[in-house]
Amino acid sequence: MIRETAMDNSARVLTLPSAERVRFEKNFIKTAVCELRFPALLELEANPPVQLQKALKKDFPHYERQQSVGLTNLEKDVRHLLRSKKGDWLVSIKSSSIALETNHYTHFEEFSAQLAMLINKSRPFLDTDFFTRVGLRYINGVGIEDGKIEGWIRDELIAPVVRGVYGAIDRFLQEVRGKTTSDKYTFRHGIAGLDEDKRDLYTIDFDFYNENVEIDAVLPMVSEFNHESFQFFLWAIGPKVRERMGKSIPEKGQK
């Protein structure tokens, strides 16, 4: 039996180059979503969240009920969707989770403010003082503008593609799961689309998460997830993407 030492354990966590918290002129985020899971509320499986919808109606006035059916007709997944007036922000409510999502991400301060508002207004209705899982996910889409993947994505991530190991490819995806010193992550990257108009779009997808999180600890934790995702993104891209991002300015509280 092999015994793991403290040094062995430290070598098993994600290690990224440090990066200052800054905001660039351009980002490549197509979707940003924070999901908060909680012990199931059985009433949400049968009834819409009327009181919660009223509490959020000013910021998310549009309501939609969405239901999907699983492998059997007994497997039904019901989601209650609340959209902002312009449709660029979405709250998704299920019997055991509530999520904030946007397809128009500008900067983390705005996202964090929306998340704080959602937590404060939904807290009385969720009847819990902790979340079973807190996750922050960023899905980035990098367009390969010149048709050559080199320089857009970090060399180590695309080496087999560049060297022609796989021949001419239509789809290339990789998933990595691991740990940091305080949480867990899933990293997906590659050419995900088979359609002609998506073959030059490289997806860089980060999901940082933790389990059994006290409500008051959510916002600081999500802030740390954001920074880890930012560091990971800077590591994963090539110089061509960095050039497209433009000038950077420090985030609030940074010098």
C-alpha atoms as a PDB file:
ATOM      1  CA  MET A   1       0.000   0.000   0.000  1.00  0.00           C
ATOM      2  CA  ILE A   2       1.370   3.406  -1.022  1.00  0.00           C
ATOM      3  CA  ARG A   3       1.092   6.112   1.636  1.00  0.00           C
ATOM      4  CA  GLU A   4       0.569   9.706   0.473  1.00  0.00           C
ATOM      5  CA  THR A   5       2.693  12.366   2.140  1.00  0.00           C
ATOM      6  CA  ALA A   6       1.764  16.024   2.561  1.00  0.00           C
ATOM      7  CA  MET A   7       4.002  16.797  -0.404  1.00  0.00           C
ATOM      8  CA  ASP A   8       2.168  14.192  -2.506  1.00  0.00           C
ATOM      9  CA  ASN A   9      -1.169  15.824  -1.645  1.00  0.00           C
ATOM     10  CA  SER A  10       0.031  19.332  -2.501  1.00  0.00           C
ATOM     11  CA  ALA A  11       1.178  18.107  -5.904  1.00  0.00           C
ATOM     12  CA  ARG A  12      -2.331  16.807  -6.634  1.00  0.00           C
ATOM     13  CA  VAL A  13      -4.060  20.211  -6.672  1.00  0.00           C
ATOM     14  CA  LEU A  14      -4.472  22.687  -9.499  1.00  0.00           C
ATOM     15  CA  THR A  15      -1.491  25.013  -9.767  1.00  0.00           C
ATOM     16  CA  LEU A  16      -1.853  28.161 -11.864  1.00  0.00           C
ATOM     17  CA  PRO A  17       0.386  31.197 -12.395  1.00  0.00           C
ATOM     18  CA  SER A  18      -0.770  34.084 -10.209  1.00  0.00           C
ATOM     19  CA  ALA A  19      -2.600  36.884 -11.983  1.00  0.00           C
ATOM     20  CA  GLU A  20      -3.715  40.328 -10.877  1.00  0.00           C
ATOM     21  CA  ARG A  21      -7.464  40.876 -10.738  1.00  0.00           C
ATOM     22  CA  VAL A  22      -8.022  43.062 -13.791  1.00  0.00           C
ATOM     23  CA  ARG A  23     -10.742  43.707 -16.332  1.00  0.00           C
ATOM     24  CA  PHE A  24      -9.990  43.650 -20.054  1.00  0.00           C
ATOM     25  CA  GLU A  25     -11.723  45.658 -22.766  1.00  0.00           C
ATOM     26  CA  LYS A  26     -13.081  42.444 -24.316  1.00  0.00           C
ATOM     27  CA  ASN A  27     -13.981  39.045 -22.896  1.00  0.00           C
ATOM     28  CA  PHE A  28     -14.902  35.803 -24.630  1.00  0.00           C
ATOM     29  CA  ILE A  29     -17.579  34.656 -22.162  1.00  0.00           C
ATOM     30  CA  LYS A  30     -20.646  33.295 -23.940  1.00  0.00           C
ATOM     31  CA  THR A  31     -22.400  32.084 -20.788  1.00  0.00           C
ATOM     32  CA  ALA A  32     -21.799  32.673 -17.081  1.00  0.00           C
ATOM     33  CA  VAL A  33     -23.882  30.767 -14.550  1.00  0.00           C
ATOM     34  CA  CYS A  34     -23.855  30.334 -10.783  1.00  0.00           C
ATOM     35  CA  GLU A  35     -25.913  27.417  -9.486  1.00  0.00           C
ATOM     36  CA  LEU A  36     -26.906  27.062  -5.842  1.00  0.00           C
ATOM     37  CA  ARG A  37     -28.272  23.672  -4.829  1.00  0.00           C
ATOM     38  CA  PHE A  38     -30.264  23.166  -1.642  1.00  0.00           C
ATOM     39  CA  PRO A  39     -32.170  20.366   0.134  1.00  0.00           C
ATOM     40  CA  ALA A  40     -35.197  19.636  -2.054  1.00  0.00           C
ATOM     41  CA  LEU A  41     -38.423  21.586  -1.520  1.00  0.00           C
ATOM     42  CA  LEU A  42     -41.134  19.131  -2.467  1.00  0.00           C
ATOM     43  CA  GLU A  43     -43.688  21.899  -2.991  1.00  0.00           C
ATOM     44  CA  LEU A  44     -41.660  23.139  -5.982  1.00  0.00           C
ATOM     45  CA  GLU A  45     -42.131  19.792  -7.714  1.00  0.00           C
ATOM     46  CA  ALA A  46     -45.880  20.333  -7.890  1.00  0.00           C
ATOM     47  CA  ASN A  47     -46.419  24.079  -7.585  1.00  0.00           C
ATOM     48  CA  PRO A  48     -44.810  27.179  -9.125  1.00  0.00           C
ATOM     49  CA  PRO A  49     -42.772  29.410  -6.761  1.00  0.00           C
ATOM     50  CA  VAL A  50     -45.424  32.130  -6.599  1.00  0.00           C
ATOM     51  CA  GLN A  51     -44.041  34.107  -3.647  1.00  0.00           C
ATOM     52  CA  LEU A  52     -40.467  33.949  -4.926  1.00  0.00           C
ATOM     53  CA  GLN A  53     -41.601  35.035  -8.379  1.00  0.00           C
ATOM     54  CA  LYS A  54     -43.320  38.056  -6.834  1.00  0.00           C
ATOM     55  CA  ALA A  55     -40.167  38.951  -4.881  1.00  0.00           C
ATOM     56  CA  LEU A  56     -38.064  38.857  -8.069  1.00  0.00           C
ATOM     57  CA  LYS A  57     -40.631  40.260 -10.495  1.00  0.00           C
ATOM     58  CA  LYS A  58     -39.182  43.788 -10.601  1.00  0.00           C
ATOM     59  CA  ASP A  59     -35.825  42.549 -11.899  1.00  0.00           C
ATOM     60  CA  PHE A  60     -37.093  39.424 -13.692  1.00  0.00           C
ATOM     61  CA  PRO A  61     -40.600  40.189 -14.980  1.00  0.00           C
ATOM     62  CA  HIS A  62     -40.957  37.410 -17.575  1.00  0.00           C
ATOM     63  CA  TYR A  63     -42.030  33.957 -16.377  1.00  0.00           C
ATOM     64  CA  GLU A  64     -41.831  30.645 -18.249  1.00  0.00           C
ATOM     65  CA  ARG A  65     -42.400  27.069 -17.143  1.00  0.00           C
ATOM     66  CA  GLN A  66     -40.184  24.501 -18.802  1.00  0.00           C
ATOM     67  CA  GLN A  67     -40.571  20.739 -18.543  1.00  0.00           C
ATOM     68  CA  SER A  68     -38.412  18.018 -20.007  1.00  0.00           C
ATOM     69  CA  VAL A  69     -39.094  14.279 -19.984  1.00  0.00           C
ATOM     70  CA  GLY A  70     -36.405  11.699 -19.271  1.00  0.00           C
ATOM     71  CA  LEU A  71     -36.005   8.144 -20.498  1.00  0.00           C
ATOM     72  CA  THR A  72     -39.388   7.260 -19.060  1.00  0.00           C
ATOM     73  CA  ASN A  73     -42.500   9.393 -18.845  1.00  0.00           C
ATOM     74  CA  LEU A  74     -42.167   9.269 -15.054  1.00  0.00           C
ATOM     75  CA  GLU A  75     -38.890  11.208 -15.198  1.00  0.00           C
ATOM     76  CA  LYS A  76     -39.977  14.818 -15.482  1.00  0.00           C
ATOM     77  CA  ASP A  77     -37.715  17.778 -14.851  1.00  0.00           C
ATOM     78  CA  VAL A  78     -39.585  21.033 -14.238  1.00  0.00           C
ATOM     79  CA  ARG A  79     -37.819  24.392 -14.307  1.00  0.00           C
ATOM     80  CA  HIS A  80     -39.343  27.779 -13.560  1.00  0.00           C
ATOM     81  CA  LEU A  81     -37.583  30.457 -15.593  1.00  0.00           C
ATOM     82  CA  LEU A  82     -37.575  34.153 -14.727  1.00  0.00           C
ATOM     83  CA  ARG A  83     -36.048  36.452 -17.356  1.00  0.00           C
ATOM     84  CA  SER A  84     -34.988  40.079 -17.170  1.00  0.00           C
ATOM     85  CA  LYS A  85     -36.785  42.620 -19.308  1.00  0.00           C
ATOM     86  CA  LYS A  86     -34.109  42.488 -22.027  1.00  0.00           C
ATOM     87  CA  GLY A  87     -33.716  38.731 -21.715  1.00  0.00           C
ATOM     88  CA  ASP A  88     -29.996  38.867 -20.977  1.00  0.00           C
ATOM     89  CA  TRP A  89     -30.343  37.610 -17.380  1.00  0.00           C
ATOM     90  CA  LEU A  90     -32.087  34.428 -16.303  1.00  0.00           C
ATOM     91  CA  VAL A  91     -33.049  32.873 -12.975  1.00  0.00           C
ATOM     92  CA  SER A  92     -33.765  29.156 -13.124  1.00  0.00           C
ATOM     93  CA  ILE A  93     -35.627  27.556 -10.209  1.00  0.00           C
ATOM     94  CA  LYS A  94     -35.976  23.813  -9.621  1.00  0.00           C
ATOM     95  CA  SER A  95     -37.055  21.806  -6.592  1.00  0.00           C
ATOM     96  CA  SER A  96     -33.451  21.587  -5.361  1.00  0.00           C
ATOM     97  CA  SER A  97     -31.583  24.451  -7.046  1.00  0.00           C
ATOM     98  CA  ILE A  98     -31.669  28.083  -8.052  1.00  0.00           C
ATOM     99  CA  ALA A  99     -29.310  29.493 -10.667  1.00  0.00           C
ATOM    100  CA  LEU A 100     -28.355  32.874 -12.068  1.00  0.00           C
ATOM    101  CA  GLU A 101     -27.259  32.970 -15.710  1.00  0.00           C
ATOM    102  CA  THR A 102     -26.319  35.640 -18.233  1.00  0.00           C
ATOM    103  CA  ASN A 103     -25.319  35.660 -21.869  1.00  0.00           C
ATOM    104  CA  HIS A 104     -24.195  39.279 -21.678  1.00  0.00           C
ATOM    105  CA  TYR A 105     -21.337  39.217 -19.176  1.00  0.00           C
ATOM    106  CA  THR A 106     -19.574  42.548 -18.676  1.00  0.00           C
ATOM    107  CA  HIS A 107     -17.637  42.297 -15.412  1.00  0.00           C
ATOM    108  CA  PHE A 108     -17.707  40.341 -12.182  1.00  0.00           C
ATOM    109  CA  GLU A 109     -18.904  43.224  -9.997  1.00  0.00           C
ATOM    110  CA  GLU A 110     -22.183  43.338 -11.931  1.00  0.00           C
ATOM    111  CA  PHE A 111     -22.594  39.555 -11.801  1.00  0.00           C
ATOM    112  CA  SER A 112     -21.813  39.483  -8.068  1.00  0.00           C
ATOM    113  CA  ALA A 113     -24.322  42.267  -7.374  1.00  0.00           C
ATOM    114  CA  GLN A 114     -27.068  40.360  -9.202  1.00  0.00           C
ATOM    115  CA  LEU A 115     -26.171  37.180  -7.319  1.00  0.00           C
ATOM    116  CA  ALA A 116     -26.241  38.984  -3.956  1.00  0.00           C
ATOM    117  CA  MET A 117     -29.689  40.381  -4.770  1.00  0.00           C
ATOM    118  CA  LEU A 118     -30.938  36.923  -5.780  1.00  0.00           C
ATOM    119  CA  ILE A 119     -29.658  35.303  -2.581  1.00  0.00           C
ATOM    120  CA  ASN A 120     -31.132  38.018  -0.349  1.00  0.00           C
ATOM    121  CA  LYS A 121     -34.560  37.894  -1.963  1.00  0.00           C
ATOM    122  CA  SER A 122     -34.789  34.117  -2.247  1.00  0.00           C
ATOM    123  CA  ARG A 123     -33.366  33.260   1.176  1.00  0.00           C
ATOM    124  CA  PRO A 124     -36.709  33.527   3.058  1.00  0.00           C
ATOM    125  CA  PHE A 125     -38.360  31.115   0.599  1.00  0.00           C
ATOM    126  CA  LEU A 126     -35.644  28.459   0.402  1.00  0.00           C
ATOM    127  CA  ASP A 127     -35.880  27.537   4.104  1.00  0.00           C
ATOM    128  CA  THR A 128     -32.195  26.590   4.417  1.00  0.00           C
ATOM    129  CA  ASP A 129     -29.059  28.081   5.955  1.00  0.00           C
ATOM    130  CA  PHE A 130     -26.670  26.259   3.619  1.00  0.00           C
ATOM    131  CA  PHE A 131     -26.352  25.094   0.019  1.00  0.00           C
ATOM    132  CA  THR A 132     -25.480  21.508  -0.794  1.00  0.00           C
ATOM    133  CA  ARG A 133     -23.419  22.690  -3.778  1.00  0.00           C
ATOM    134  CA  VAL A 134     -22.220  26.085  -5.018  1.00  0.00           C
ATOM    135  CA  GLY A 135     -20.830  26.254  -8.538  1.00  0.00           C
ATOM    136  CA  LEU A 136     -19.626  29.000 -10.860  1.00  0.00           C
ATOM    137  CA  ARG A 137     -19.263  28.184 -14.546  1.00  0.00           C
ATOM    138  CA  TYR A 138     -17.858  30.233 -17.415  1.00  0.00           C
ATOM    139  CA  ILE A 139     -18.223  29.033 -21.011  1.00  0.00           C
ATOM    140  CA  ASN A 140     -15.864  30.949 -23.304  1.00  0.00           C
ATOM    141  CA  GLY A 141     -15.954  30.822 -27.092  1.00  0.00           C
ATOM    142  CA  VAL A 142     -12.765  31.737 -28.938  1.00  0.00           C
ATOM    143  CA  GLY A 143     -13.136  32.266 -32.675  1.00  0.00           C
ATOM    144  CA  ILE A 144     -10.143  31.010 -34.669  1.00  0.00           C
ATOM    145  CA  GLU A 145     -10.169  34.000 -36.999  1.00  0.00           C
ATOM    146  CA  ASP A 146      -7.306  33.060 -39.296  1.00  0.00           C
ATOM    147  CA  GLY A 147      -8.099  29.358 -39.585  1.00  0.00           C
ATOM    148  CA  LYS A 148      -4.913  28.368 -37.743  1.00  0.00           C
ATOM    149  CA  ILE A 149      -5.383  27.206 -34.187  1.00  0.00           C
ATOM    150  CA  GLU A 150      -1.771  27.906 -33.255  1.00  0.00           C
ATOM    151  CA  GLY A 151      -1.411  31.056 -31.175  1.00  0.00           C
ATOM    152  CA  TRP A 152      -5.066  31.126 -30.125  1.00  0.00           C
ATOM    153  CA  ILE A 153      -4.883  28.299 -27.580  1.00  0.00           C
ATOM    154  CA  ARG A 154      -2.033  27.244 -25.297  1.00  0.00           C
ATOM    155  CA  ASP A 155       0.330  24.899 -27.126  1.00  0.00           C
ATOM    156  CA  GLU A 156       0.115  22.080 -24.566  1.00  0.00           C
ATOM    157  CA  LEU A 157      -3.670  21.839 -24.963  1.00  0.00           C
ATOM    158  CA  ILE A 158      -3.693  21.504 -28.741  1.00  0.00           C
ATOM    159  CA  ALA A 159      -0.389  19.705 -29.457  1.00  0.00           C
ATOM    160  CA  PRO A 160      -1.994  16.553 -30.987  1.00  0.00           C
ATOM    161  CA  VAL A 161      -4.198  18.692 -33.248  1.00  0.00           C
ATOM    162  CA  VAL A 162      -1.330  20.891 -34.436  1.00  0.00           C
ATOM    163  CA  ARG A 163       0.905  17.882 -35.091  1.00  0.00           C
ATOM    164  CA  GLY A 164      -1.810  16.181 -37.112  1.00  0.00           C
ATOM    165  CA  VAL A 165      -1.928  13.129 -34.858  1.00  0.00           C
ATOM    166  CA  TYR A 166      -5.695  12.790 -35.373  1.00  0.00           C
ATOM    167  CA  GLY A 167      -5.722  13.785 -39.024  1.00  0.00           C
ATOM    168  CA  ALA A 168      -8.435  16.182 -40.214  1.00  0.00           C
ATOM    169  CA  ILE A 169     -10.868  16.566 -37.314  1.00  0.00           C
ATOM    170  CA  ASP A 170     -14.429  17.812 -37.022  1.00  0.00           C
ATOM    171  CA  ARG A 171     -14.662  17.497 -33.253  1.00  0.00           C
ATOM    172  CA  PHE A 172     -12.080  17.625 -30.473  1.00  0.00           C
ATOM    173  CA  LEU A 173     -13.084  17.667 -26.811  1.00  0.00           C
ATOM    174  CA  GLN A 174     -11.256  17.028 -23.556  1.00  0.00           C
ATOM    175  CA  GLU A 175     -12.518  17.034 -19.958  1.00  0.00           C
ATOM    176  CA  VAL A 176     -10.350  17.290 -16.855  1.00  0.00           C
ATOM    177  CA  ARG A 177     -11.608  17.053 -13.259  1.00  0.00           C
ATOM    178  CA  GLY A 178      -9.514  17.875 -10.240  1.00  0.00           C
ATOM    179  CA  LYS A 179      -9.092  19.763  -6.985  1.00  0.00           C
ATOM    180  CA  THR A 180      -7.688  23.042  -5.776  1.00  0.00           C
ATOM    181  CA  THR A 181      -6.574  23.698  -2.212  1.00  0.00           C
ATOM    182  CA  SER A 182     -10.168  24.496  -1.169  1.00  0.00           C
ATOM    183  CA  ASP A 183     -12.583  23.326  -3.886  1.00  0.00           C
ATOM    184  CA  LYS A 184     -13.057  21.242  -7.017  1.00  0.00           C
ATOM    185  CA  TYR A 185     -13.148  22.020 -10.709  1.00  0.00           C
ATOM    186  CA  THR A 186     -14.089  20.660 -14.119  1.00  0.00           C
ATOM    187  CA  PHE A 187     -12.263  21.961 -17.198  1.00  0.00           C
ATOM    188  CA  ARG A 188     -13.585  21.246 -20.684  1.00  0.00           C
ATOM    189  CA  HIS A 189     -12.024  22.512 -23.873  1.00  0.00           C
ATOM    190  CA  GLY A 190     -12.014  21.828 -27.587  1.00  0.00           C
ATOM    191  CA  ILE A 191     -13.882  22.204 -30.837  1.00  0.00           C
ATOM    192  CA  ALA A 192     -17.382  21.209 -29.818  1.00  0.00           C
ATOM    193  CA  GLY A 193     -19.477  22.058 -32.863  1.00  0.00           C
ATOM    194  CA  LEU A 194     -19.950  19.759 -35.832  1.00  0.00           C
ATOM    195  CA  ASP A 195     -21.770  22.411 -37.841  1.00  0.00           C
ATOM    196  CA  GLU A 196     -19.753  24.205 -40.478  1.00  0.00           C
ATOM    197  CA  ASP A 197     -20.155  27.587 -38.772  1.00  0.00           C
ATOM    198  CA  LYS A 198     -18.905  26.226 -35.425  1.00  0.00           C
ATOM    199  CA  ARG A 199     -15.768  24.399 -36.501  1.00  0.00           C
ATOM    200  CA  ASP A 200     -13.664  27.515 -35.968  1.00  0.00           C
ATOM    201  CA  LEU A 201     -15.035  28.109 -32.457  1.00  0.00           C
ATOM    202  CA  TYR A 202     -12.864  26.796 -29.641  1.00  0.00           C
ATOM    203  CA  THR A 203     -14.692  26.327 -26.338  1.00  0.00           C
ATOM    204  CA  ILE A 204     -12.929  26.926 -23.014  1.00  0.00           C
ATOM    205  CA  ASP A 205     -15.262  25.910 -20.186  1.00  0.00           C
ATOM    206  CA  PHE A 206     -14.529  26.207 -16.446  1.00  0.00           C
ATOM    207  CA  ASP A 207     -16.731  25.015 -13.583  1.00  0.00           C
ATOM    208  CA  PHE A 208     -15.489  25.601 -10.022  1.00  0.00           C
ATOM    209  CA  TYR A 209     -17.619  24.244  -7.186  1.00  0.00           C
ATOM    210  CA  ASN A 210     -17.799  23.237  -3.546  1.00  0.00           C
ATOM    211  CA  GLU A 211     -20.286  21.388  -1.354  1.00  0.00           C
ATOM    212  CA  ASN A 212     -22.148  22.108   1.900  1.00  0.00           C
ATOM    213  CA  VAL A 213     -21.564  25.864   1.924  1.00  0.00           C
ATOM    214  CA  GLU A 214     -23.115  28.193   4.496  1.00  0.00           C
ATOM    215  CA  ILE A 215     -25.194  30.920   2.840  1.00  0.00           C
ATOM    216  CA  ASP A 216     -23.078  33.748   4.266  1.00  0.00           C
ATOM    217  CA  ALA A 217     -19.969  32.175   2.737  1.00  0.00           C
ATOM    218  CA  VAL A 218     -21.353  32.002  -0.807  1.00  0.00           C
ATOM    219  CA  LEU A 219     -20.353  35.422  -2.155  1.00  0.00           C
ATOM    220  CA  PRO A 220     -16.706  35.297  -0.959  1.00  0.00           C
ATOM    221  CA  MET A 221     -16.442  31.758  -2.332  1.00  0.00           C
ATOM    222  CA  VAL A 222     -17.883  32.721  -5.713  1.00  0.00           C
ATOM    223  CA  SER A 223     -15.440  35.643  -5.852  1.00  0.00           C
ATOM    224  CA  GLU A 224     -12.585  33.188  -5.370  1.00  0.00           C
ATOM    225  CA  PHE A 225     -14.048  30.890  -8.049  1.00  0.00           C
ATOM    226  CA  ASN A 226     -14.109  33.869 -10.385  1.00  0.00           C
ATOM    227  CA  HIS A 227     -10.449  34.614  -9.781  1.00  0.00           C
ATOM    228  CA  GLU A 228      -9.446  30.979 -10.242  1.00  0.00           C
ATOM    229  CA  SER A 229     -11.389  30.835 -13.515  1.00  0.00           C
ATOM    230  CA  PHE A 230      -9.683  34.029 -14.666  1.00  0.00           C
ATOM    231  CA  GLN A 231      -6.240  32.625 -13.867  1.00  0.00           C
ATOM    232  CA  PHE A 232      -7.121  29.384 -15.657  1.00  0.00           C
ATOM    233  CA  PHE A 233      -8.332  31.280 -18.739  1.00  0.00           C
ATOM    234  CA  LEU A 234      -5.144  33.327 -18.956  1.00  0.00           C
ATOM    235  CA  TRP A 235      -3.150  30.107 -18.737  1.00  0.00           C
ATOM    236  CA  ALA A 236      -5.218  28.340 -21.413  1.00  0.00           C
ATOM    237  CA  ILE A 237      -5.155  30.998 -24.128  1.00  0.00           C
ATOM    238  CA  GLY A 238      -2.487  31.948 -26.642  1.00  0.00           C
ATOM    239  CA  PRO A 239      -1.015  35.363 -27.490  1.00  0.00           C
ATOM    240  CA  LYS A 240      -3.575  36.049 -30.242  1.00  0.00           C
ATOM    241  CA  VAL A 241      -6.452  35.940 -27.735  1.00  0.00           C
ATOM    242  CA  ARG A 242      -4.532  38.072 -25.261  1.00  0.00           C
ATOM    243  CA  GLU A 243      -4.070  40.702 -27.983  1.00  0.00           C
ATOM    244  CA  ARG A 244      -7.808  40.681 -28.785  1.00  0.00           C
ATOM    245  CA  MET A 245      -8.642  41.281 -25.120  1.00  0.00           C
ATOM    246  CA  GLY A 246      -7.165  44.778 -25.315  1.00  0.00           C
ATOM    247  CA  LYS A 247      -6.113  46.974 -22.419  1.00  0.00           C
ATOM    248  CA  SER A 248      -6.654  45.979 -18.807  1.00  0.00           C
ATOM    249  CA  ILE A 249      -7.724  47.993 -15.777  1.00  0.00           C
ATOM    250  CA  PRO A 250      -7.550  46.830 -12.126  1.00  0.00           C
ATOM    251  CA  GLU A 251     -10.789  45.638 -10.578  1.00  0.00           C
ATOM    252  CA  LYS A 252     -12.208  47.472  -7.583  1.00  0.00           C
ATOM    253  CA  GLY A 253     -10.032  47.116  -4.521  1.00  0.00           C
ATOM    254  CA  GLN A 254      -6.947  46.335  -6.607  1.00  0.00           C
ATOM    255  CA  LYS A 255      -4.019  48.635  -7.297  1.00  0.00           C
END
